[in-house]
Amino acid sequence: MQILQPTDKKYIPQIKPDTISYRKNFFTLVGILFIIKIILAFVLDLGNDEAYYWLYSQYWQWNYFDHPPIVAVWIRIFTANLLLDQYGGFVRLGSVVGCVLASWFLFRAVSLLHSERAGWYAAVLYNISFYSAITAGLYILPDSPQMVFWTLALLLIVRITKDENNWSNWFLFGLVAGLCIMSKIHGAFLWIGLGLYILIQKNAWLKKPQVYVAFLITLVIMSPIFFWNMLYDFATFRFHGSRVDVDQYIIQWRYFFKELASQVGFNNPVNYFLIISALIAFLRKRIQQHSALTVFILIGTPMAFLLLFISLFRNVTLVHWSGPAYVSMIPLAAVWMAEYSKNPFPKILQWGLGVFLFVYLGYSLAVKFYPGTYGSHNIKEYA
């Protein structure tokens, strides 16, 4: 019997079709995590920041001292207009539900971009990040609604790059980007990344009226932030400006490595490794060069590098600030993995999930049962 070799003309590689139901996998994963987080939402007491944002919901404003108002709206919606706000689980419900929605938007975005296997990988990576799954996916913070609109914006960017003349995609992107900014000012990086892409690679889009209409929609939606600040001496901008302003350019390496460590750890070391590896592969053109991936990189990397730059001089960056930057680049890692693996749950994702569950469940138990208090015990710092 003649054995055909790869070089023979008659050789036809036997490629097995991908018959796995990745949507079923997706709903199984988010369903299990939803149940776990609902239990934690009701069992754990509200943290200081969460109680602060609960206070937002008690007093309607167009903007607040340090953040826009959507987090207050979010709490109102999921507590039935405050009828259930005495239960911490309902105060946090918007975060838990929001994590499911954000996971779905990311799954759809990457599935449309590459394949459902890649979309499944993206959903797993999103749900093993301490930032997206916990800070924005369990605790009630401005990041909670922000991630819903952020991931929906990523999906719309994929649609725009596939059909750049479609008015509805541009209209929706302007709307969603505005709501993202009204959740947290970091949402501006969506337009920064898209703007950089237009200037660097897609100058022809400068002639499209859709771009300007979408940007105008975003400006209209976020306008309450400016009007409120005009009434109150630009308090929000002065506050955040003072946090990141650099007085003396004296490099403080310990601050820099603290920020770097927080970017690695808080986004899950496995995610960080995969994102950096995929970024290198993309730059070397070893994976699909899709326009949307370029936009995602231009959204994420300026944000991550800006925080690293600020940390060289000031110890002001918070651990979760870099979260949206790495969420933006999760699709890149997912596509890279999908092009080199057909395993529905590669070992590296198993390790990532294991790290996530071990660290967070252990932390939750410590918070619940530790008899003392964390942080400084100096009574002057209690206030």
Protein backbone atom coordinates (compact mmCIF):
# COMPACT_ATOMS: atom_id res chain seq x y z
CA MET A 1 0.00 0.00 0.00
CA GLN A 2 1.34 3.39 -0.98
CA ILE A 3 1.63 5.80 1.93
CA LEU A 4 0.98 9.37 0.88
CA GLN A 5 3.37 11.97 2.22
CA PRO A 6 2.59 15.66 2.76
CA THR A 7 4.56 16.44 -0.41
CA ASP A 8 2.48 14.15 -2.62
CA LYS A 9 -0.04 15.81 -4.89
CA LYS A 10 -2.71 13.32 -3.80
CA TYR A 11 -2.27 14.16 -0.15
CA ILE A 12 -5.32 15.85 1.33
CA PRO A 13 -5.04 16.82 5.01
CA GLN A 14 -7.93 15.56 7.10
CA ILE A 15 -9.21 18.60 8.95
CA LYS A 16 -11.91 17.78 11.43
CA PRO A 17 -14.69 20.37 11.53
CA ASP A 18 -15.08 22.33 14.76
CA THR A 19 -18.38 20.86 15.98
CA ILE A 20 -18.14 22.00 19.59
CA SER A 21 -21.00 24.21 20.77
CA TYR A 22 -19.05 27.18 22.10
CA ARG A 23 -22.27 29.04 22.86
CA LYS A 24 -23.27 26.22 25.18
CA ASN A 25 -19.85 26.43 26.82
CA PHE A 26 -20.29 30.18 27.17
CA PHE A 27 -23.69 29.98 28.88
CA THR A 28 -22.50 27.18 31.16
CA LEU A 29 -19.49 29.22 32.29
CA VAL A 30 -21.30 32.51 32.87
CA GLY A 31 -24.21 30.66 34.50
CA ILE A 32 -21.97 28.99 37.08
CA LEU A 33 -20.05 32.20 37.78
CA PHE A 34 -23.32 34.14 38.00
CA ILE A 35 -24.58 31.85 40.78
CA ILE A 36 -21.28 32.08 42.68
CA LYS A 37 -21.20 35.87 42.43
CA ILE A 38 -24.86 36.30 43.39
CA ILE A 39 -24.13 34.38 46.60
CA LEU A 40 -21.05 36.52 47.28
CA ALA A 41 -23.01 39.70 46.48
CA PHE A 42 -25.51 38.97 49.23
CA VAL A 43 -23.05 37.49 51.75
CA LEU A 44 -20.29 40.12 51.67
CA ASP A 45 -20.91 43.53 53.19
CA LEU A 46 -20.59 46.60 51.00
CA GLY A 47 -17.12 48.12 50.88
CA ASN A 48 -16.34 51.79 51.52
CA ASP A 49 -16.39 52.71 47.84
CA GLU A 50 -19.61 50.79 47.25
CA ALA A 51 -21.33 52.57 50.12
CA TYR A 52 -20.13 55.86 48.64
CA TYR A 53 -21.70 55.07 45.26
CA TRP A 54 -24.87 53.87 46.99
CA LEU A 55 -25.02 57.40 48.39
CA TYR A 56 -24.88 58.68 44.80
CA SER A 57 -28.10 56.82 44.10
CA GLN A 58 -29.91 58.58 46.93
CA TYR A 59 -29.40 62.02 45.39
CA TRP A 60 -29.86 62.53 41.64
CA GLN A 61 -27.25 64.70 40.00
CA TRP A 62 -26.11 65.25 36.40
CA ASN A 63 -22.57 64.62 37.63
CA TYR A 64 -20.81 64.03 40.92
CA PHE A 65 -17.62 65.34 42.42
CA ASP A 66 -15.34 62.56 41.15
CA HIS A 67 -17.42 60.52 38.67
CA PRO A 68 -20.26 60.79 36.15
CA PRO A 69 -23.78 59.63 37.14
CA ILE A 70 -24.45 56.29 35.39
CA VAL A 71 -23.42 54.22 38.43
CA ALA A 72 -26.23 55.92 40.38
CA VAL A 73 -28.68 55.10 37.59
CA TRP A 74 -27.40 51.51 37.56
CA ILE A 75 -28.11 51.11 41.28
CA ARG A 76 -31.57 52.62 40.88
CA ILE A 77 -32.45 50.25 38.04
CA PHE A 78 -31.41 47.06 39.84
CA THR A 79 -32.87 48.00 43.22
CA ALA A 80 -36.28 48.80 41.68
CA ASN A 81 -35.77 52.53 42.19
CA LEU A 82 -34.29 51.95 45.68
CA LEU A 83 -37.15 49.74 46.95
CA LEU A 84 -34.57 46.98 47.56
CA ASP A 85 -31.48 49.07 48.30
CA GLN A 86 -31.30 47.84 51.90
CA TYR A 87 -30.00 44.54 50.52
CA GLY A 88 -26.39 44.66 49.41
CA GLY A 89 -26.98 41.92 46.86
CA PHE A 90 -29.49 44.03 44.94
CA VAL A 91 -27.19 47.06 45.10
CA ARG A 92 -24.56 44.87 43.41
CA LEU A 93 -26.97 43.08 41.08
CA GLY A 94 -26.23 45.50 38.23
CA SER A 95 -22.57 44.52 38.39
CA VAL A 96 -23.28 40.78 38.28
CA VAL A 97 -25.79 41.10 35.44
CA GLY A 98 -23.49 43.60 33.72
CA CYS A 99 -20.65 41.06 33.73
CA VAL A 100 -22.88 38.58 31.89
CA LEU A 101 -23.83 41.23 29.31
CA ALA A 102 -20.21 42.35 28.85
CA SER A 103 -19.09 38.73 28.46
CA TRP A 104 -21.73 38.21 25.76
CA PHE A 105 -20.76 41.38 23.87
CA LEU A 106 -17.12 40.30 23.92
CA PHE A 107 -18.03 36.78 22.82
CA ARG A 108 -20.06 38.17 19.91
CA ALA A 109 -17.38 40.68 18.94
CA VAL A 110 -14.60 38.09 18.71
CA SER A 111 -16.86 35.48 17.12
CA LEU A 112 -17.72 37.96 14.37
CA LEU A 113 -14.07 38.92 14.08
CA HIS A 114 -12.63 35.39 13.89
CA SER A 115 -14.62 32.39 15.14
CA GLU A 116 -16.82 31.23 18.01
CA ARG A 117 -13.85 29.35 19.43
CA ALA A 118 -11.98 32.64 19.67
CA GLY A 119 -15.11 34.25 21.13
CA TRP A 120 -15.23 31.52 23.77
CA TYR A 121 -11.58 32.11 24.65
CA ALA A 122 -12.29 35.84 24.98
CA ALA A 123 -15.22 35.19 27.32
CA VAL A 124 -13.05 32.94 29.52
CA LEU A 125 -10.26 35.52 29.66
CA TYR A 126 -12.78 38.23 30.59
CA ASN A 127 -14.18 36.12 33.41
CA ILE A 128 -10.83 35.21 34.94
CA SER A 129 -9.61 38.81 35.11
CA PHE A 130 -9.85 40.18 38.64
CA TYR A 131 -10.70 43.55 37.17
CA SER A 132 -13.52 42.62 34.82
CA ALA A 133 -14.97 39.72 36.81
CA ILE A 134 -14.75 41.23 40.31
CA THR A 135 -14.09 44.98 40.36
CA ALA A 136 -16.48 45.58 37.47
CA GLY A 137 -18.39 42.29 37.67
CA LEU A 138 -19.30 41.94 41.35
CA TYR A 139 -18.68 45.15 43.27
CA ILE A 140 -20.83 48.15 42.42
CA LEU A 141 -18.44 50.76 41.06
CA PRO A 142 -18.48 53.12 38.05
CA ASP A 143 -16.54 50.37 36.23
CA SER A 144 -19.61 48.10 36.37
CA PRO A 145 -21.78 49.93 33.80
CA GLN A 146 -18.65 51.17 32.04
CA MET A 147 -17.65 47.63 31.04
CA VAL A 148 -21.08 46.91 29.58
CA PHE A 149 -20.83 49.91 27.28
CA TRP A 150 -17.09 49.39 26.67
CA THR A 151 -17.48 45.82 25.41
CA LEU A 152 -20.54 46.78 23.37
CA ALA A 153 -18.41 49.52 21.79
CA LEU A 154 -15.78 46.88 20.89
CA LEU A 155 -18.49 44.85 19.18
CA LEU A 156 -19.62 47.92 17.24
CA ILE A 157 -16.03 48.64 16.18
CA VAL A 158 -15.85 45.15 14.67
CA ARG A 159 -19.09 45.82 12.80
CA ILE A 160 -17.87 49.20 11.60
CA THR A 161 -14.62 47.75 10.23
CA LYS A 162 -16.65 45.13 8.36
CA ASP A 163 -19.19 47.63 7.00
CA GLU A 164 -17.77 51.14 7.29
CA ASN A 165 -20.69 52.81 5.50
CA ASN A 166 -23.40 51.46 7.79
CA TRP A 167 -24.97 54.46 9.52
CA SER A 168 -26.61 52.46 12.31
CA ASN A 169 -23.28 51.05 13.53
CA TRP A 170 -21.73 54.52 13.66
CA PHE A 171 -24.82 55.97 15.32
CA LEU A 172 -24.83 53.24 17.97
CA PHE A 173 -21.09 53.61 18.55
CA GLY A 174 -21.50 57.33 19.24
CA LEU A 175 -24.35 56.57 21.63
CA VAL A 176 -22.55 53.76 23.46
CA ALA A 177 -19.25 55.68 23.70
CA GLY A 178 -21.15 58.58 25.26
CA LEU A 179 -22.81 56.31 27.83
CA CYS A 180 -19.42 54.74 28.56
CA ILE A 181 -17.96 58.18 29.30
CA MET A 182 -21.01 58.98 31.44
CA SER A 183 -20.10 55.87 33.45
CA LYS A 184 -16.42 56.77 33.84
CA ILE A 185 -14.29 59.30 32.02
CA HIS A 186 -11.92 56.53 30.89
CA GLY A 187 -14.46 55.86 28.15
CA ALA A 188 -12.83 58.68 26.20
CA PHE A 189 -10.10 56.19 25.24
CA LEU A 190 -12.61 54.52 22.90
CA TRP A 191 -12.56 57.62 20.72
CA ILE A 192 -8.83 58.16 21.28
CA GLY A 193 -8.07 54.69 19.93
CA LEU A 194 -10.48 54.99 17.01
CA GLY A 195 -9.17 58.49 16.25
CA LEU A 196 -5.57 57.25 16.19
CA TYR A 197 -6.57 54.45 13.83
CA ILE A 198 -8.24 56.93 11.48
CA LEU A 199 -5.23 59.26 11.51
CA ILE A 200 -2.63 56.52 11.12
CA GLN A 201 -4.27 53.96 8.85
CA LYS A 202 -7.68 55.11 7.62
CA ASN A 203 -7.49 58.72 6.46
CA ALA A 204 -10.36 58.06 4.03
CA TRP A 205 -12.72 57.92 7.01
CA LEU A 206 -12.08 61.63 7.61
CA LYS A 207 -14.35 62.22 4.60
CA LYS A 208 -17.19 60.17 6.06
CA PRO A 209 -20.03 62.15 7.68
CA GLN A 210 -20.78 59.10 9.84
CA VAL A 211 -17.62 59.74 11.87
CA TYR A 212 -18.58 63.31 12.73
CA VAL A 213 -22.21 62.48 13.47
CA ALA A 214 -21.12 59.68 15.83
CA PHE A 215 -18.66 62.00 17.58
CA LEU A 216 -21.34 64.68 17.91
CA ILE A 217 -23.72 62.16 19.49
CA THR A 218 -21.04 61.27 22.04
CA LEU A 219 -20.46 64.96 22.85
CA VAL A 220 -24.18 65.56 23.37
CA ILE A 221 -24.56 62.57 25.69
CA MET A 222 -21.52 63.50 27.79
CA SER A 223 -22.39 67.23 27.89
CA PRO A 224 -23.96 67.06 31.41
CA ILE A 225 -20.44 66.47 32.77
CA PHE A 226 -19.29 69.80 31.35
CA PHE A 227 -22.40 71.75 32.33
CA TRP A 228 -22.23 70.49 35.92
CA ASN A 229 -18.54 71.34 36.13
CA MET A 230 -19.15 74.83 34.77
CA LEU A 231 -21.49 75.40 37.72
CA TYR A 232 -19.03 74.01 40.27
CA ASP A 233 -15.70 75.47 39.17
CA PHE A 234 -14.69 72.34 37.23
CA ALA A 235 -14.34 70.39 40.47
CA THR A 236 -14.14 66.99 38.76
CA PHE A 237 -11.36 68.03 36.40
CA ARG A 238 -9.39 69.80 39.11
CA PHE A 239 -9.67 66.79 41.41
CA HIS A 240 -8.53 64.21 38.85
CA GLY A 241 -5.98 66.62 37.39
CA SER A 242 -4.34 66.98 40.79
CA ARG A 243 -4.11 63.19 41.08
CA VAL A 244 -2.11 62.73 37.89
CA ASP A 245 -0.30 66.07 37.63
CA VAL A 246 3.49 65.73 37.74
CA ASP A 247 5.24 68.45 39.73
CA GLN A 248 8.79 67.16 39.55
CA TYR A 249 10.20 64.82 36.95
CA ILE A 250 12.20 62.72 39.39
CA ILE A 251 11.89 59.07 38.47
CA GLN A 252 10.57 56.86 41.27
CA TRP A 253 11.17 53.31 40.11
CA ARG A 254 9.36 51.79 43.07
CA TYR A 255 6.13 53.48 41.96
CA PHE A 256 6.66 52.30 38.40
CA PHE A 257 7.18 48.66 39.39
CA LYS A 258 4.20 48.86 41.74
CA GLU A 259 2.00 49.94 38.82
CA LEU A 260 3.53 47.31 36.54
CA ALA A 261 2.90 44.62 39.16
CA SER A 262 -0.70 45.79 39.53
CA GLN A 263 -1.24 45.60 35.77
CA VAL A 264 0.13 42.05 35.73
CA GLY A 265 -1.64 40.83 38.85
CA PHE A 266 -4.97 42.61 38.78
CA ASN A 267 -5.70 41.59 35.20
CA ASN A 268 -4.58 38.02 36.04
CA PRO A 269 -0.97 37.04 35.23
CA VAL A 270 -2.21 34.48 32.70
CA ASN A 271 -4.19 37.15 30.83
CA TYR A 272 -1.24 39.51 30.91
CA PHE A 273 1.13 36.89 29.49
CA LEU A 274 -1.30 35.96 26.71
CA ILE A 275 -2.03 39.59 25.79
CA ILE A 276 1.65 40.58 25.61
CA SER A 277 2.51 37.42 23.63
CA ALA A 278 -0.37 38.08 21.22
CA LEU A 279 0.63 41.72 20.85
CA ILE A 280 4.16 40.69 19.84
CA ALA A 281 2.76 38.11 17.40
CA PHE A 282 0.44 40.71 15.90
CA LEU A 283 3.23 43.23 15.43
CA ARG A 284 5.29 40.50 13.72
CA LYS A 285 2.26 39.71 11.52
CA ARG A 286 1.99 36.16 12.75
CA ILE A 287 -1.76 36.39 13.35
CA GLN A 288 -4.71 37.80 11.47
CA GLN A 289 -4.21 41.51 10.73
CA HIS A 290 -7.81 42.60 11.19
CA SER A 291 -8.52 46.32 11.35
CA ALA A 292 -10.57 45.95 14.53
CA LEU A 293 -7.62 44.39 16.34
CA THR A 294 -5.52 47.42 15.40
CA VAL A 295 -8.18 49.71 16.86
CA PHE A 296 -8.30 47.63 20.06
CA ILE A 297 -4.52 47.90 20.42
CA LEU A 298 -4.71 51.68 19.91
CA ILE A 299 -7.37 51.88 22.62
CA GLY A 300 -5.54 49.72 25.13
CA THR A 301 -1.84 50.44 24.82
CA PRO A 302 -1.97 54.27 25.18
CA MET A 303 -3.98 53.86 28.36
CA ALA A 304 -1.63 51.25 29.86
CA PHE A 305 1.51 53.22 28.91
CA LEU A 306 0.06 56.50 30.22
CA LEU A 307 -0.47 54.93 33.64
CA LEU A 308 3.05 53.50 33.61
CA PHE A 309 4.44 56.91 32.67
CA ILE A 310 2.55 58.70 35.46
CA SER A 311 3.71 56.06 37.94
CA LEU A 312 7.33 56.94 37.19
CA PHE A 313 6.82 60.19 39.07
CA ARG A 314 3.79 59.83 41.35
CA ASN A 315 2.33 57.13 43.56
CA VAL A 316 -1.27 57.89 42.62
CA THR A 317 -2.36 55.20 40.18
CA LEU A 318 -4.93 52.74 41.53
CA VAL A 319 -4.73 49.03 40.76
CA HIS A 320 -7.93 48.87 38.73
CA TRP A 321 -7.30 51.88 36.46
CA SER A 322 -5.56 49.76 33.82
CA GLY A 323 -8.43 47.28 33.59
CA PRO A 324 -10.19 48.71 30.50
CA ALA A 325 -6.87 48.80 28.64
CA TYR A 326 -6.39 45.06 28.99
CA VAL A 327 -10.06 44.25 28.35
CA SER A 328 -9.60 46.02 25.00
CA MET A 329 -6.78 43.63 24.12
CA ILE A 330 -8.44 40.41 25.25
CA PRO A 331 -9.76 39.87 21.67
CA LEU A 332 -6.18 39.97 20.43
CA ALA A 333 -5.14 37.19 22.82
CA ALA A 334 -8.26 35.17 21.99
CA VAL A 335 -7.66 35.34 18.22
CA TRP A 336 -4.00 34.42 18.70
CA MET A 337 -4.94 31.36 20.77
CA ALA A 338 -7.66 30.30 18.31
CA GLU A 339 -5.23 30.33 15.41
CA TYR A 340 -2.87 27.93 17.18
CA SER A 341 -5.19 25.76 19.27
CA LYS A 342 -8.42 23.84 18.76
CA ASN A 343 -8.62 22.68 22.36
CA PRO A 344 -11.90 24.06 23.78
CA PHE A 345 -10.26 24.66 27.16
CA PRO A 346 -6.45 24.86 26.85
CA LYS A 347 -4.34 24.23 29.91
CA ILE A 348 -3.28 27.84 30.13
CA LEU A 349 -6.93 28.88 30.52
CA GLN A 350 -7.38 26.16 33.14
CA TRP A 351 -4.43 27.62 35.02
CA GLY A 352 -5.89 31.10 34.68
CA LEU A 353 -9.25 29.97 36.05
CA GLY A 354 -7.51 28.14 38.87
CA VAL A 355 -5.52 31.24 39.85
CA PHE A 356 -8.67 33.33 39.73
CA LEU A 357 -10.79 31.01 41.88
CA PHE A 358 -8.03 30.32 44.41
CA VAL A 359 -7.14 33.98 44.95
CA TYR A 360 -10.61 35.45 44.95
CA LEU A 361 -12.46 32.80 46.93
CA GLY A 362 -9.63 32.80 49.46
CA TYR A 363 -9.78 36.58 49.67
CA SER A 364 -13.58 36.52 50.09
CA LEU A 365 -13.34 34.03 52.95
CA ALA A 366 -10.66 36.15 54.62
CA VAL A 367 -12.79 39.28 54.33
CA LYS A 368 -15.86 37.51 55.69
CA PHE A 369 -14.29 35.68 58.61
CA TYR A 370 -11.17 37.66 59.58
CA PRO A 371 -11.94 39.00 63.09
CA GLY A 372 -9.90 42.19 62.74
CA THR A 373 -9.74 45.01 60.21
CA TYR A 374 -7.41 45.61 57.29
CA GLY A 375 -5.50 48.78 56.56
CA SER A 376 -4.06 51.38 58.89
CA HIS A 377 -5.08 51.29 62.53
CA ASN A 378 -4.10 54.92 63.01
CA ILE A 379 -7.25 56.61 64.31
CA LYS A 380 -6.31 59.82 62.47
CA GLU A 381 -6.70 57.98 59.18
CA TYR A 382 -10.13 56.50 59.90
CA ALA A 383 -11.94 59.52 58.50
